[in-house]
Protein backbone atom coordinates (compact mmCIF):
# COMPACT_ATOMS: atom_id res chain seq x y z
CA MET A 1 9.48 -9.85 -74.95
CA ALA A 2 9.17 -6.27 -73.70
CA ARG A 3 5.54 -6.85 -72.85
CA LEU A 4 6.48 -9.92 -70.81
CA ASN A 5 9.19 -7.98 -68.99
CA LEU A 6 6.74 -5.15 -68.30
CA LEU A 7 4.14 -7.63 -67.03
CA LEU A 8 6.72 -9.31 -64.78
CA LEU A 9 7.88 -5.91 -63.48
CA ILE A 10 4.31 -4.96 -62.60
CA ALA A 11 3.82 -8.34 -60.89
CA VAL A 12 7.03 -7.89 -58.85
CA LEU A 13 6.07 -4.33 -57.85
CA GLY A 14 2.54 -5.45 -56.91
CA SER A 15 3.94 -8.33 -54.90
CA ALA A 16 6.38 -5.98 -53.13
CA MET A 17 3.59 -3.52 -52.30
CA TYR A 18 1.43 -6.34 -50.97
CA LEU A 19 4.36 -7.59 -48.82
CA VAL A 20 4.94 -4.10 -47.39
CA HIS A 21 1.22 -3.74 -46.61
CA THR A 22 1.11 -7.18 -44.97
CA GLN A 23 4.15 -6.39 -42.80
CA TYR A 24 2.58 -3.08 -41.80
CA LEU A 25 -0.64 -4.81 -40.74
CA SER A 26 1.37 -7.46 -38.89
CA ARG A 27 3.22 -4.77 -36.91
CA GLN A 28 -0.04 -3.00 -36.12
CA LEU A 29 -1.57 -6.23 -34.88
CA PHE A 30 1.51 -7.03 -32.80
CA THR A 31 1.40 -3.58 -31.21
CA GLU A 32 -2.30 -4.01 -30.47
CA LEU A 33 -1.66 -7.45 -28.99
CA HIS A 34 1.07 -6.03 -26.74
CA ARG A 35 -1.22 -3.21 -25.60
CA VAL A 36 -4.03 -5.66 -24.82
CA GLU A 37 -1.65 -7.92 -22.87
CA LEU A 38 -0.54 -4.94 -20.76
CA GLU A 39 -4.17 -4.01 -20.16
CA THR A 40 -4.90 -7.63 -19.17
CA ARG A 41 -2.07 -7.59 -16.63
CA ARG A 42 -3.30 -4.28 -15.23
CA LEU A 43 -6.85 -5.61 -14.90
CA GLU A 44 -5.62 -8.80 -13.23
CA LEU A 45 -3.68 -6.73 -10.69
CA ASP A 46 -6.75 -4.58 -10.07
CA GLN A 47 -8.86 -7.70 -9.58
CA ASP A 48 -6.36 -9.13 -7.09
CA ARG A 49 -6.26 -5.83 -5.21
CA LEU A 50 -10.06 -5.63 -5.12
CA GLN A 51 -10.30 -9.23 -3.89
CA VAL A 52 -7.95 -8.38 -1.03
CA GLU A 53 -9.98 -5.28 -0.20
CA LYS A 54 -13.20 -7.31 -0.35
CA ARG A 55 -11.82 -9.88 2.09
CA ALA A 56 -10.66 -7.07 4.39
CA GLN A 57 -14.08 -5.41 4.28
CA ALA A 58 -15.96 -8.64 4.96
CA THR A 59 -14.32 -9.59 8.24
CA PRO A 60 -16.87 -10.61 10.89
CA LEU A 61 -15.60 -8.00 13.35
CA ARG A 62 -16.03 -5.17 10.84
CA ILE A 63 -19.48 -6.36 9.82
CA GLU A 64 -20.58 -6.55 13.45
CA LYS A 65 -19.21 -3.05 14.09
CA LEU A 66 -21.08 -1.61 11.08
CA ALA A 67 -24.27 -3.43 12.07
CA LYS A 68 -24.14 -1.94 15.56
CA GLU A 69 -23.03 1.58 14.64
CA GLN A 70 -24.70 2.34 11.31
CA LEU A 71 -27.70 0.02 11.30
CA LYS A 72 -28.32 0.21 15.07
CA MET A 73 -28.65 -3.56 15.27
CA ARG A 74 -28.19 -5.52 18.46
CA THR A 75 -27.65 -9.13 19.42
CA ALA A 76 -30.82 -11.16 19.80
CA THR A 77 -31.60 -12.22 23.35
CA PRO A 78 -34.45 -14.36 24.69
CA ALA A 79 -36.01 -11.22 26.16
CA ILE A 80 -36.51 -9.60 22.75
CA THR A 81 -37.16 -12.75 20.72
CA GLN A 82 -40.72 -13.47 19.65
CA TYR A 83 -41.79 -16.90 18.50
CA VAL A 84 -44.74 -17.22 16.15
CA ARG A 85 -46.87 -20.31 15.73
CA GLN A 86 -48.03 -21.48 12.32
CA ASP A 87 -51.47 -20.00 12.91
CA GLY A 88 -49.90 -16.56 13.47
CA THR A 89 -50.27 -16.28 17.23
CA VAL A 90 -47.28 -15.05 19.16
CA ILE A 91 -45.85 -17.14 21.95
CA PRO A 92 -44.99 -14.87 24.88
CA ALA A 93 -41.26 -14.45 25.42
CA VAL A 94 -39.80 -15.90 28.56
CA ALA A 95 -37.96 -13.10 30.27
CA ALA A 96 -34.56 -14.06 31.57
CA PRO A 97 -34.06 -13.34 35.26
CA ALA A 98 -32.56 -9.92 35.74
CA PRO A 99 -29.03 -10.06 37.07
CA SER A 100 -28.94 -8.74 40.62
CA THR A 101 -26.60 -5.85 41.21
CA THR A 102 -26.39 -6.33 44.97
CA THR A 103 -24.79 -9.38 46.47
CA PRO A 104 -26.44 -10.70 49.60
CA ALA A 105 -24.26 -10.59 52.67
CA PRO A 106 -23.62 -13.94 54.36
CA ALA A 107 -25.78 -14.56 57.40
CA GLN A 108 -23.91 -13.67 60.54
CA ARG A 109 -24.74 -14.50 64.09
CA PRO A 110 -24.90 -11.76 66.64
CA ALA A 111 -21.55 -11.06 68.26
CA ALA A 112 -22.79 -12.08 71.74
CA THR A 113 -23.81 -15.58 70.68
CA ARG A 114 -20.72 -16.47 68.68
CA GLY A 115 -18.68 -17.67 71.60
CA ALA A 116 -21.57 -19.24 73.50
CA HIS A 117 -21.96 -22.35 71.33
């Protein structure tokens, strides 16, 4: 009977040690899960912030400004556009008429003839 009691005592102590170890691992895993959830929330906030910044950086007005200032690009006009045929020859560009800076004065009759008619 003493051997049976000793065997049962060892089984109870082993079971208790296993239970303590299992609870310890469970707490470690819960702590790790909580840490990972916090990291996930932080990364989601960073992603949202970066998406907002990306949309702000990609506005057409900003892109046009950067293209003009940093890349020295300009708007295409018929005067600088070249058309190429399939055989590789260039079609001459049709130059747009230059805007005149002087406005023609309306034709006036001489002062002496105004009242004569």
